[in-house]
Full PDB file with SEQRES, HELIX, SHEET, SSBOND, CRYST1, ORIGX, SCALE, CONECT and MASTER records, all heavy atoms in Angstrom:
SEQRES   1 A   35  ILE THR LYS SER VAL ALA ILE LEU LYS VAL LEU ASP TYR          
SEQRES   2 A   35  PHE ASN ILE HIS GLN SER GLU ALA ILE ALA PHE GLY ASP          
SEQRES   3 A   35  GLY GLU ASN ASP ILE ASP MET ILE GLU                          
HELIX    1 AA1 LYS A    3  PHE A   14  1                                  12    
HELIX    2 AA2 GLN A   18  GLU A   20  5                                   3    
HELIX    3 AA3 GLU A   28  ASP A   30  5                                   3    
HELIX    4 AA4 ILE A   31  ILE A   34  1                                   4    
CRYST1    1.000    1.000    1.000  90.00  90.00  90.00 P 1           1          
ORIGX1      1.000000  0.000000  0.000000        0.00000                         
ORIGX2      0.000000  1.000000  0.000000        0.00000                         
ORIGX3      0.000000  0.000000  1.000000        0.00000                         
SCALE1      1.000000  0.000000  0.000000        0.00000                         
SCALE2      0.000000  1.000000  0.000000        0.00000                         
SCALE3      0.000000  0.000000  1.000000        0.00000                         
ATOM      1  N   ILE A   1      77.824  94.775 119.834  1.00  0.00           N  
ATOM      2  CA  ILE A   1      77.905  94.268 118.469  1.00  0.00           C  
ATOM      3  C   ILE A   1      77.960  95.471 117.533  1.00  0.00           C  
ATOM      4  O   ILE A   1      77.067  96.311 117.558  1.00  0.00           O  
ATOM      5  CB  ILE A   1      76.696  93.379 118.116  1.00  0.00           C  
ATOM      6  CG1 ILE A   1      76.719  92.097 118.933  1.00  0.00           C  
ATOM      7  CG2 ILE A   1      76.683  93.053 116.622  1.00  0.00           C  
ATOM      8  CD1 ILE A   1      75.492  91.221 118.753  1.00  0.00           C  
ATOM      9  N   THR A   2      79.017  95.555 116.752  1.00  0.00           N  
ATOM     10  CA  THR A   2      79.169  96.661 115.815  1.00  0.00           C  
ATOM     11  C   THR A   2      79.778  96.148 114.521  1.00  0.00           C  
ATOM     12  O   THR A   2      80.421  95.105 114.488  1.00  0.00           O  
ATOM     13  CB  THR A   2      80.090  97.760 116.377  1.00  0.00           C  
ATOM     14  OG1 THR A   2      81.412  97.213 116.545  1.00  0.00           O  
ATOM     15  CG2 THR A   2      79.591  98.300 117.709  1.00  0.00           C  
ATOM     16  N   LYS A   3      79.577  96.923 113.488  1.00  0.00           N  
ATOM     17  CA  LYS A   3      80.208  96.576 112.226  1.00  0.00           C  
ATOM     18  C   LYS A   3      81.730  96.649 112.345  1.00  0.00           C  
ATOM     19  O   LYS A   3      82.444  95.866 111.735  1.00  0.00           O  
ATOM     20  CB  LYS A   3      79.711  97.505 111.111  1.00  0.00           C  
ATOM     21  CG  LYS A   3      78.257  97.279 110.724  1.00  0.00           C  
ATOM     22  CD  LYS A   3      77.843  98.173 109.555  1.00  0.00           C  
ATOM     23  CE  LYS A   3      76.395  97.923 109.158  1.00  0.00           C  
ATOM     24  NZ  LYS A   3      75.976  98.740 108.001  1.00  0.00           N  
ATOM     25  N   SER A   4      82.226  97.586 113.154  1.00  0.00           N  
ATOM     26  CA  SER A   4      83.675  97.764 113.244  1.00  0.00           C  
ATOM     27  C   SER A   4      84.362  96.554 113.872  1.00  0.00           C  
ATOM     28  O   SER A   4      85.469  96.193 113.472  1.00  0.00           O  
ATOM     29  CB  SER A   4      84.017  99.034 114.036  1.00  0.00           C  
ATOM     30  OG  SER A   4      83.522  98.956 115.354  1.00  0.00           O  
ATOM     31  N   VAL A   5      83.730  95.912 114.860  1.00  0.00           N  
ATOM     32  CA  VAL A   5      84.319  94.708 115.450  1.00  0.00           C  
ATOM     33  C   VAL A   5      84.457  93.629 114.385  1.00  0.00           C  
ATOM     34  O   VAL A   5      85.490  92.960 114.267  1.00  0.00           O  
ATOM     35  CB  VAL A   5      83.452  94.205 116.630  1.00  0.00           C  
ATOM     36  CG1 VAL A   5      83.926  92.833 117.085  1.00  0.00           C  
ATOM     37  CG2 VAL A   5      83.518  95.196 117.788  1.00  0.00           C  
ATOM     38  N   ALA A   6      83.410  93.460 113.564  1.00  0.00           N  
ATOM     39  CA  ALA A   6      83.461  92.467 112.490  1.00  0.00           C  
ATOM     40  C   ALA A   6      84.492  92.851 111.430  1.00  0.00           C  
ATOM     41  O   ALA A   6      85.192  91.992 110.884  1.00  0.00           O  
ATOM     42  CB  ALA A   6      82.083  92.327 111.859  1.00  0.00           C  
ATOM     43  N   ILE A   7      84.599  94.141 111.151  1.00  0.00           N  
ATOM     44  CA  ILE A   7      85.578  94.605 110.161  1.00  0.00           C  
ATOM     45  C   ILE A   7      86.996  94.263 110.613  1.00  0.00           C  
ATOM     46  O   ILE A   7      87.835  93.831 109.810  1.00  0.00           O  
ATOM     47  CB  ILE A   7      85.420  96.116 109.914  1.00  0.00           C  
ATOM     48  CG1 ILE A   7      84.192  96.358 109.032  1.00  0.00           C  
ATOM     49  CG2 ILE A   7      86.670  96.717 109.267  1.00  0.00           C  
ATOM     50  CD1 ILE A   7      83.844  97.809 108.852  1.00  0.00           C  
ATOM     51  N   LEU A   8      87.284  94.438 111.890  1.00  0.00           N  
ATOM     52  CA  LEU A   8      88.611  94.084 112.394  1.00  0.00           C  
ATOM     53  C   LEU A   8      88.898  92.599 112.193  1.00  0.00           C  
ATOM     54  O   LEU A   8      90.028  92.215 111.879  1.00  0.00           O  
ATOM     55  CB  LEU A   8      88.734  94.467 113.867  1.00  0.00           C  
ATOM     56  CG  LEU A   8      88.833  95.963 114.164  1.00  0.00           C  
ATOM     57  CD1 LEU A   8      88.736  96.228 115.662  1.00  0.00           C  
ATOM     58  CD2 LEU A   8      90.129  96.541 113.606  1.00  0.00           C  
ATOM     59  N   LYS A   9      87.871  91.767 112.364  1.00  0.00           N  
ATOM     60  CA  LYS A   9      88.032  90.330 112.121  1.00  0.00           C  
ATOM     61  C   LYS A   9      88.331  90.056 110.649  1.00  0.00           C  
ATOM     62  O   LYS A   9      89.172  89.209 110.313  1.00  0.00           O  
ATOM     63  CB  LYS A   9      86.768  89.576 112.544  1.00  0.00           C  
ATOM     64  CG  LYS A   9      86.419  89.689 114.012  1.00  0.00           C  
ATOM     65  CD  LYS A   9      87.378  88.904 114.884  1.00  0.00           C  
ATOM     66  CE  LYS A   9      86.919  88.919 116.338  1.00  0.00           C  
ATOM     67  NZ  LYS A   9      87.834  88.175 117.226  1.00  0.00           N  
ATOM     68  N   VAL A  10      87.637  90.777 109.761  1.00  0.00           N  
ATOM     69  CA  VAL A  10      87.856  90.604 108.316  1.00  0.00           C  
ATOM     70  C   VAL A  10      89.247  91.083 107.928  1.00  0.00           C  
ATOM     71  O   VAL A  10      89.954  90.407 107.160  1.00  0.00           O  
ATOM     72  CB  VAL A  10      86.777  91.359 107.521  1.00  0.00           C  
ATOM     73  CG1 VAL A  10      87.117  91.373 106.025  1.00  0.00           C  
ATOM     74  CG2 VAL A  10      85.413  90.730 107.735  1.00  0.00           C  
ATOM     75  N   LEU A  11      89.654  92.212 108.449  1.00  0.00           N  
ATOM     76  CA  LEU A  11      90.994  92.744 108.140  1.00  0.00           C  
ATOM     77  C   LEU A  11      92.070  91.765 108.603  1.00  0.00           C  
ATOM     78  O   LEU A  11      93.055  91.531 107.891  1.00  0.00           O  
ATOM     79  CB  LEU A  11      91.184  94.108 108.799  1.00  0.00           C  
ATOM     80  CG  LEU A  11      90.332  95.256 108.245  1.00  0.00           C  
ATOM     81  CD1 LEU A  11      90.499  96.502 109.112  1.00  0.00           C  
ATOM     82  CD2 LEU A  11      90.706  95.572 106.804  1.00  0.00           C  
ATOM     83  N   ASP A  12      91.886  91.209 109.775  1.00  0.00           N  
ATOM     84  CA  ASP A  12      92.842  90.229 110.282  1.00  0.00           C  
ATOM     85  C   ASP A  12      92.858  88.978 109.396  1.00  0.00           C  
ATOM     86  O   ASP A  12      93.928  88.426 109.112  1.00  0.00           O  
ATOM     87  CB  ASP A  12      92.474  89.852 111.723  1.00  0.00           C  
ATOM     88  CG  ASP A  12      93.466  88.883 112.343  1.00  0.00           C  
ATOM     89  OD1 ASP A  12      94.645  89.254 112.491  1.00  0.00           O  
ATOM     90  OD2 ASP A  12      93.065  87.754 112.679  1.00  0.00           O  
ATOM     91  N   TYR A  13      91.690  88.565 108.953  1.00  0.00           N  
ATOM     92  CA  TYR A  13      91.573  87.374 108.099  1.00  0.00           C  
ATOM     93  C   TYR A  13      92.348  87.553 106.792  1.00  0.00           C  
ATOM     94  O   TYR A  13      93.023  86.637 106.322  1.00  0.00           O  
ATOM     95  CB  TYR A  13      90.095  87.108 107.812  1.00  0.00           C  
ATOM     96  CG  TYR A  13      89.824  85.860 107.004  1.00  0.00           C  
ATOM     97  CD1 TYR A  13      89.808  84.608 107.603  1.00  0.00           C  
ATOM     98  CD2 TYR A  13      89.582  85.946 105.631  1.00  0.00           C  
ATOM     99  CE1 TYR A  13      89.557  83.451 106.859  1.00  0.00           C  
ATOM    100  CE2 TYR A  13      89.330  84.802 104.881  1.00  0.00           C  
ATOM    101  CZ  TYR A  13      89.312  83.564 105.499  1.00  0.00           C  
ATOM    102  OH  TYR A  13      89.075  82.427 104.755  1.00  0.00           O  
ATOM    103  N   PHE A  14      92.262  88.754 106.218  1.00  0.00           N  
ATOM    104  CA  PHE A  14      92.938  89.031 104.951  1.00  0.00           C  
ATOM    105  C   PHE A  14      94.326  89.654 105.137  1.00  0.00           C  
ATOM    106  O   PHE A  14      95.006  89.958 104.152  1.00  0.00           O  
ATOM    107  CB  PHE A  14      92.087  89.947 104.078  1.00  0.00           C  
ATOM    108  CG  PHE A  14      90.850  89.298 103.529  1.00  0.00           C  
ATOM    109  CD1 PHE A  14      89.599  89.819 103.803  1.00  0.00           C  
ATOM    110  CD2 PHE A  14      90.943  88.167 102.735  1.00  0.00           C  
ATOM    111  CE1 PHE A  14      88.447  89.223 103.283  1.00  0.00           C  
ATOM    112  CE2 PHE A  14      89.802  87.563 102.211  1.00  0.00           C  
ATOM    113  CZ  PHE A  14      88.555  88.091 102.488  1.00  0.00           C  
ATOM    114  N   ASN A  15      94.714  89.884 106.403  1.00  0.00           N  
ATOM    115  CA  ASN A  15      96.006  90.498 106.714  1.00  0.00           C  
ATOM    116  C   ASN A  15      96.144  91.870 106.042  1.00  0.00           C  
ATOM    117  O   ASN A  15      97.128  92.176 105.360  1.00  0.00           O  
ATOM    118  CB  ASN A  15      97.167  89.593 106.287  1.00  0.00           C  
ATOM    119  CG  ASN A  15      98.491  90.030 106.893  1.00  0.00           C  
ATOM    120  OD1 ASN A  15      98.535  90.642 107.966  1.00  0.00           O  
ATOM    121  ND2 ASN A  15      99.584  89.745 106.204  1.00  0.00           N  
ATOM    122  N   ILE A  16      95.130  92.703 106.256  1.00  0.00           N  
ATOM    123  CA  ILE A  16      95.106  94.066 105.716  1.00  0.00           C  
ATOM    124  C   ILE A  16      94.992  95.037 106.881  1.00  0.00           C  
ATOM    125  O   ILE A  16      94.219  94.806 107.824  1.00  0.00           O  
ATOM    126  CB  ILE A  16      93.921  94.255 104.743  1.00  0.00           C  
ATOM    127  CG1 ILE A  16      94.083  93.337 103.517  1.00  0.00           C  
ATOM    128  CG2 ILE A  16      93.800  95.713 104.297  1.00  0.00           C  
ATOM    129  CD1 ILE A  16      92.887  93.350 102.578  1.00  0.00           C  
ATOM    130  N   HIS A  17      95.730  96.134 106.842  1.00  0.00           N  
ATOM    131  CA  HIS A  17      95.672  97.150 107.901  1.00  0.00           C  
ATOM    132  C   HIS A  17      94.468  98.055 107.679  1.00  0.00           C  
ATOM    133  O   HIS A  17      94.063  98.309 106.545  1.00  0.00           O  
ATOM    134  CB  HIS A  17      96.964  97.982 107.906  1.00  0.00           C  
ATOM    135  CG  HIS A  17      97.096  98.839 109.130  1.00  0.00           C  
ATOM    136  ND1 HIS A  17      96.616 100.131 109.193  1.00  0.00           N  
ATOM    137  CD2 HIS A  17      97.642  98.580 110.349  1.00  0.00           C  
ATOM    138  CE1 HIS A  17      96.863 100.634 110.382  1.00  0.00           C  
ATOM    139  NE2 HIS A  17      97.488  99.722 111.103  1.00  0.00           N  
ATOM    140  N   GLN A  18      93.898  98.567 108.780  1.00  0.00           N  
ATOM    141  CA  GLN A  18      92.706  99.414 108.666  1.00  0.00           C  
ATOM    142  C   GLN A  18      92.970 100.689 107.871  1.00  0.00           C  
ATOM    143  O   GLN A  18      92.049 101.240 107.256  1.00  0.00           O  
ATOM    144  CB  GLN A  18      92.151  99.758 110.048  1.00  0.00           C  
ATOM    145  CG  GLN A  18      93.043 100.617 110.919  1.00  0.00           C  
ATOM    146  CD  GLN A  18      92.537 100.681 112.349  1.00  0.00           C  
ATOM    147  OE1 GLN A  18      92.561  99.685 113.067  1.00  0.00           O  
ATOM    148  NE2 GLN A  18      92.061 101.843 112.764  1.00  0.00           N  
ATOM    149  N   SER A  19      94.219 101.150 107.843  1.00  0.00           N  
ATOM    150  CA  SER A  19      94.541 102.347 107.061  1.00  0.00           C  
ATOM    151  C   SER A  19      94.406 102.095 105.565  1.00  0.00           C  
ATOM    152  O   SER A  19      94.302 103.045 104.771  1.00  0.00           O  
ATOM    153  CB  SER A  19      95.964 102.821 107.367  1.00  0.00           C  
ATOM    154  OG  SER A  19      96.915 101.843 106.956  1.00  0.00           O  
ATOM    155  N   GLU A  20      94.381 100.818 105.175  1.00  0.00           N  
ATOM    156  CA  GLU A  20      94.260 100.445 103.765  1.00  0.00           C  
ATOM    157  C   GLU A  20      92.816 100.164 103.367  1.00  0.00           C  
ATOM    158  O   GLU A  20      92.548  99.663 102.277  1.00  0.00           O  
ATOM    159  CB  GLU A  20      95.119  99.209 103.481  1.00  0.00           C  
ATOM    160  CG  GLU A  20      96.603  99.426 103.770  1.00  0.00           C  
ATOM    161  CD  GLU A  20      97.421  98.152 103.697  1.00  0.00           C  
ATOM    162  OE1 GLU A  20      97.074  97.184 104.409  1.00  0.00           O  
ATOM    163  OE2 GLU A  20      98.400  98.132 102.928  1.00  0.00           O  
ATOM    164  N   ALA A  21      91.884 100.525 104.257  1.00  0.00           N  
ATOM    165  CA  ALA A  21      90.462 100.246 104.032  1.00  0.00           C  
ATOM    166  C   ALA A  21      89.676 101.512 103.747  1.00  0.00           C  
ATOM    167  O   ALA A  21      89.939 102.584 104.303  1.00  0.00           O  
ATOM    168  CB  ALA A  21      89.873  99.544 105.256  1.00  0.00           C  
ATOM    169  N   ILE A  22      88.681 101.382 102.880  1.00  0.00           N  
ATOM    170  CA  ILE A  22      87.692 102.419 102.613  1.00  0.00           C  
ATOM    171  C   ILE A  22      86.357 101.888 103.092  1.00  0.00           C  
ATOM    172  O   ILE A  22      86.057 100.703 102.933  1.00  0.00           O  
ATOM    173  CB  ILE A  22      87.589 102.744 101.110  1.00  0.00           C  
ATOM    174  CG1 ILE A  22      88.940 103.167 100.544  1.00  0.00           C  
ATOM    175  CG2 ILE A  22      86.545 103.834 100.857  1.00  0.00           C  
ATOM    176  CD1 ILE A  22      88.941 103.318  99.020  1.00  0.00           C  
ATOM    177  N   ALA A  23      85.535 102.746 103.692  1.00  0.00           N  
ATOM    178  CA  ALA A  23      84.199 102.327 104.117  1.00  0.00           C  
ATOM    179  C   ALA A  23      83.167 103.362 103.683  1.00  0.00           C  
ATOM    180  O   ALA A  23      83.381 104.568 103.839  1.00  0.00           O  
ATOM    181  CB  ALA A  23      84.145 102.133 105.626  1.00  0.00           C  
ATOM    182  N   PHE A  24      82.073 102.883 103.120  1.00  0.00           N  
ATOM    183  CA  PHE A  24      80.947 103.724 102.714  1.00  0.00           C  
ATOM    184  C   PHE A  24      79.730 103.383 103.566  1.00  0.00           C  
ATOM    185  O   PHE A  24      79.423 102.206 103.776  1.00  0.00           O  
ATOM    186  CB  PHE A  24      80.567 103.433 101.257  1.00  0.00           C  
ATOM    187  CG  PHE A  24      81.481 103.992 100.211  1.00  0.00           C  
ATOM    188  CD1 PHE A  24      82.637 103.316  99.856  1.00  0.00           C  
ATOM    189  CD2 PHE A  24      81.164 105.175  99.549  1.00  0.00           C  
ATOM    190  CE1 PHE A  24      83.473 103.810  98.855  1.00  0.00           C  
ATOM    191  CE2 PHE A  24      81.992 105.675  98.557  1.00  0.00           C  
ATOM    192  CZ  PHE A  24      83.147 105.000  98.205  1.00  0.00           C  
ATOM    193  N   GLY A  25      79.001 104.405 104.015  1.00  0.00           N  
ATOM    194  CA  GLY A  25      77.778 104.149 104.767  1.00  0.00           C  
ATOM    195  C   GLY A  25      76.819 105.313 104.720  1.00  0.00           C  
ATOM    196  O   GLY A  25      77.162 106.401 104.234  1.00  0.00           O  
ATOM    197  N   ASP A  26      75.609 105.087 105.238  1.00  0.00           N  
ATOM    198  CA  ASP A  26      74.609 106.162 105.267  1.00  0.00           C  
ATOM    199  C   ASP A  26      73.874 106.262 106.595  1.00  0.00           C  
ATOM    200  O   ASP A  26      73.191 107.246 106.844  1.00  0.00           O  
ATOM    201  CB  ASP A  26      73.579 105.970 104.145  1.00  0.00           C  
ATOM    202  CG  ASP A  26      72.558 104.889 104.485  1.00  0.00           C  
ATOM    203  OD1 ASP A  26      72.985 103.777 104.847  1.00  0.00           O  
ATOM    204  OD2 ASP A  26      71.351 105.166 104.396  1.00  0.00           O  
ATOM    205  N   GLY A  27      74.004 105.233 107.454  1.00  0.00           N  
ATOM    206  CA  GLY A  27      73.247 105.233 108.707  1.00  0.00           C  
ATOM    207  C   GLY A  27      74.120 105.391 109.936  1.00  0.00           C  
ATOM    208  O   GLY A  27      75.348 105.289 109.866  1.00  0.00           O  
ATOM    209  N   GLU A  28      73.476 105.619 111.073  1.00  0.00           N  
ATOM    210  CA  GLU A  28      74.242 105.819 112.299  1.00  0.00           C  
ATOM    211  C   GLU A  28      74.904 104.530 112.780  1.00  0.00           C  
ATOM    212  O   GLU A  28      75.872 104.582 113.538  1.00  0.00           O  
ATOM    213  CB  GLU A  28      73.350 106.434 113.378  1.00  0.00           C  
ATOM    214  CG  GLU A  28      72.917 107.847 112.996  1.00  0.00           C  
ATOM    215  CD  GLU A  28      72.276 108.631 114.120  1.00  0.00           C  
ATOM    216  OE1 GLU A  28      72.266 108.142 115.262  1.00  0.00           O  
ATOM    217  OE2 GLU A  28      71.790 109.741 113.834  1.00  0.00           O  
ATOM    218  N   ASN A  29      74.426 103.372 112.309  1.00  0.00           N  
ATOM    219  CA  ASN A  29      75.114 102.121 112.621  1.00  0.00           C  
ATOM    220  C   ASN A  29      76.365 101.942 111.763  1.00  0.00           C  
ATOM    221  O   ASN A  29      77.082 100.953 111.899  1.00  0.00           O  
ATOM    222  CB  ASN A  29      74.177 100.918 112.452  1.00  0.00           C  
ATOM    223  CG  ASN A  29      73.625 100.789 111.040  1.00  0.00           C  
ATOM    224  OD1 ASN A  29      73.366 101.776 110.366  1.00  0.00           O  
ATOM    225  ND2 ASN A  29      73.416  99.562 110.608  1.00  0.00           N  
ATOM    226  N   ASP A  30      76.643 102.924 110.893  1.00  0.00           N  
ATOM    227  CA  ASP A  30      77.861 102.909 110.076  1.00  0.00           C  
ATOM    228  C   ASP A  30      78.946 103.829 110.628  1.00  0.00           C  
ATOM    229  O   ASP A  30      80.058 103.862 110.095  1.00  0.00           O  
ATOM    230  CB  ASP A  30      77.546 103.342 108.636  1.00  0.00           C  
ATOM    231  CG  ASP A  30      76.570 102.421 107.946  1.00  0.00           C  
ATOM    232  OD1 ASP A  30      76.687 101.197 108.142  1.00  0.00           O  
ATOM    233  OD2 ASP A  30      75.685 102.911 107.217  1.00  0.00           O  
ATOM    234  N   ILE A  31      78.646 104.581 111.674  1.00  0.00           N  
ATOM    235  CA  ILE A  31      79.601 105.567 112.182  1.00  0.00           C  
ATOM    236  C   ILE A  31      80.904 104.910 112.621  1.00  0.00           C  
ATOM    237  O   ILE A  31      82.000 105.341 112.239  1.00  0.00           O  
ATOM    238  CB  ILE A  31      78.987 106.384 113.344  1.00  0.00           C  
ATOM    239  CG1 ILE A  31      77.879 107.298 112.807  1.00  0.00           C  
ATOM    240  CG2 ILE A  31      80.075 107.216 114.041  1.00  0.00           C  
ATOM    241  CD1 ILE A  31      77.129 108.059 113.897  1.00  0.00           C  
ATOM    242  N   ASP A  32      80.813 103.863 113.428  1.00  0.00           N  
ATOM    243  CA  ASP A  32      82.035 103.209 113.905  1.00  0.00           C  
ATOM    244  C   ASP A  32      82.829 102.615 112.752  1.00  0.00           C  
ATOM    245  O   ASP A  32      84.059 102.564 112.790  1.00  0.00           O  
ATOM    246  CB  ASP A  32      81.704 102.138 114.941  1.00  0.00           C  
ATOM    247  CG  ASP A  32      80.867 101.004 114.378  1.00  0.00           C  
ATOM    248  OD1 ASP A  32      79.733 101.266 113.947  1.00  0.00           O  
ATOM    249  OD2 ASP A  32      81.358  99.859 114.353  1.00  0.00           O  
ATOM    250  N   MET A  33      82.136 102.191 111.714  1.00  0.00           N  
ATOM    251  CA  MET A  33      82.790 101.594 110.551  1.00  0.00           C  
ATOM    252  C   MET A  33      83.594 102.634 109.771  1.00  0.00           C  
ATOM    253  O   MET A  33      84.754 102.394 109.428  1.00  0.00           O  
ATOM    254  CB  MET A  33      81.722 100.957 109.647  1.00  0.00           C  
ATOM    255  CG  MET A  33      82.238 100.407 108.342  1.00  0.00           C  
ATOM    256  SD  MET A  33      80.972  99.479 107.426  1.00  0.00           S  
ATOM    257  CE  MET A  33      80.019 100.818 106.697  1.00  0.00           C  
ATOM    258  N   ILE A  34      82.992 103.784 109.517  1.00  0.00           N  
ATOM    259  CA  ILE A  34      83.724 104.780 108.725  1.00  0.00           C  
ATOM    260  C   ILE A  34      84.808 105.470 109.546  1.00  0.00           C  
ATOM    261  O   ILE A  34      85.785 105.968 108.994  1.00  0.00           O  
ATOM    262  CB  ILE A  34      82.779 105.816 108.071  1.00  0.00           C  
ATOM    263  CG1 ILE A  34      82.103 106.702 109.098  1.00  0.00           C  
ATOM    264  CG2 ILE A  34      81.742 105.139 107.181  1.00  0.00           C  
ATOM    265  CD1 ILE A  34      81.417 107.900 108.485  1.00  0.00           C  
ATOM    266  N   GLU A  35      84.644 105.464 110.869  1.00  0.00           N  
ATOM    267  CA  GLU A  35      85.710 106.006 111.713  1.00  0.00           C  
ATOM    268  C   GLU A  35      86.906 105.065 111.768  1.00  0.00           C  
ATOM    269  O   GLU A  35      88.051 105.510 111.875  1.00  0.00           O  
ATOM    270  CB  GLU A  35      85.184 106.273 113.127  1.00  0.00           C  
ATOM    271  CG  GLU A  35      84.237 107.461 113.218  1.00  0.00           C  
ATOM    272  CD  GLU A  35      83.742 107.711 114.627  1.00  0.00           C  
ATOM    273  OE1 GLU A  35      83.716 106.754 115.427  1.00  0.00           O  
ATOM    274  OE2 GLU A  35      83.375 108.863 114.926  1.00  0.00           O  
TER     275      GLU A  35                                                      
MASTER        0    0    0    4    0    0    0    6  274    1    0    3          
END                                                                             
């Protein structure tokens, strides 16, 4: 379970490519998201 898996679901829902996304975080559970 990661934030990035959920983010891919959200991007697909809105039909947005990951290159068009910005992510902000501060914790190690945010690493996969900002990558």
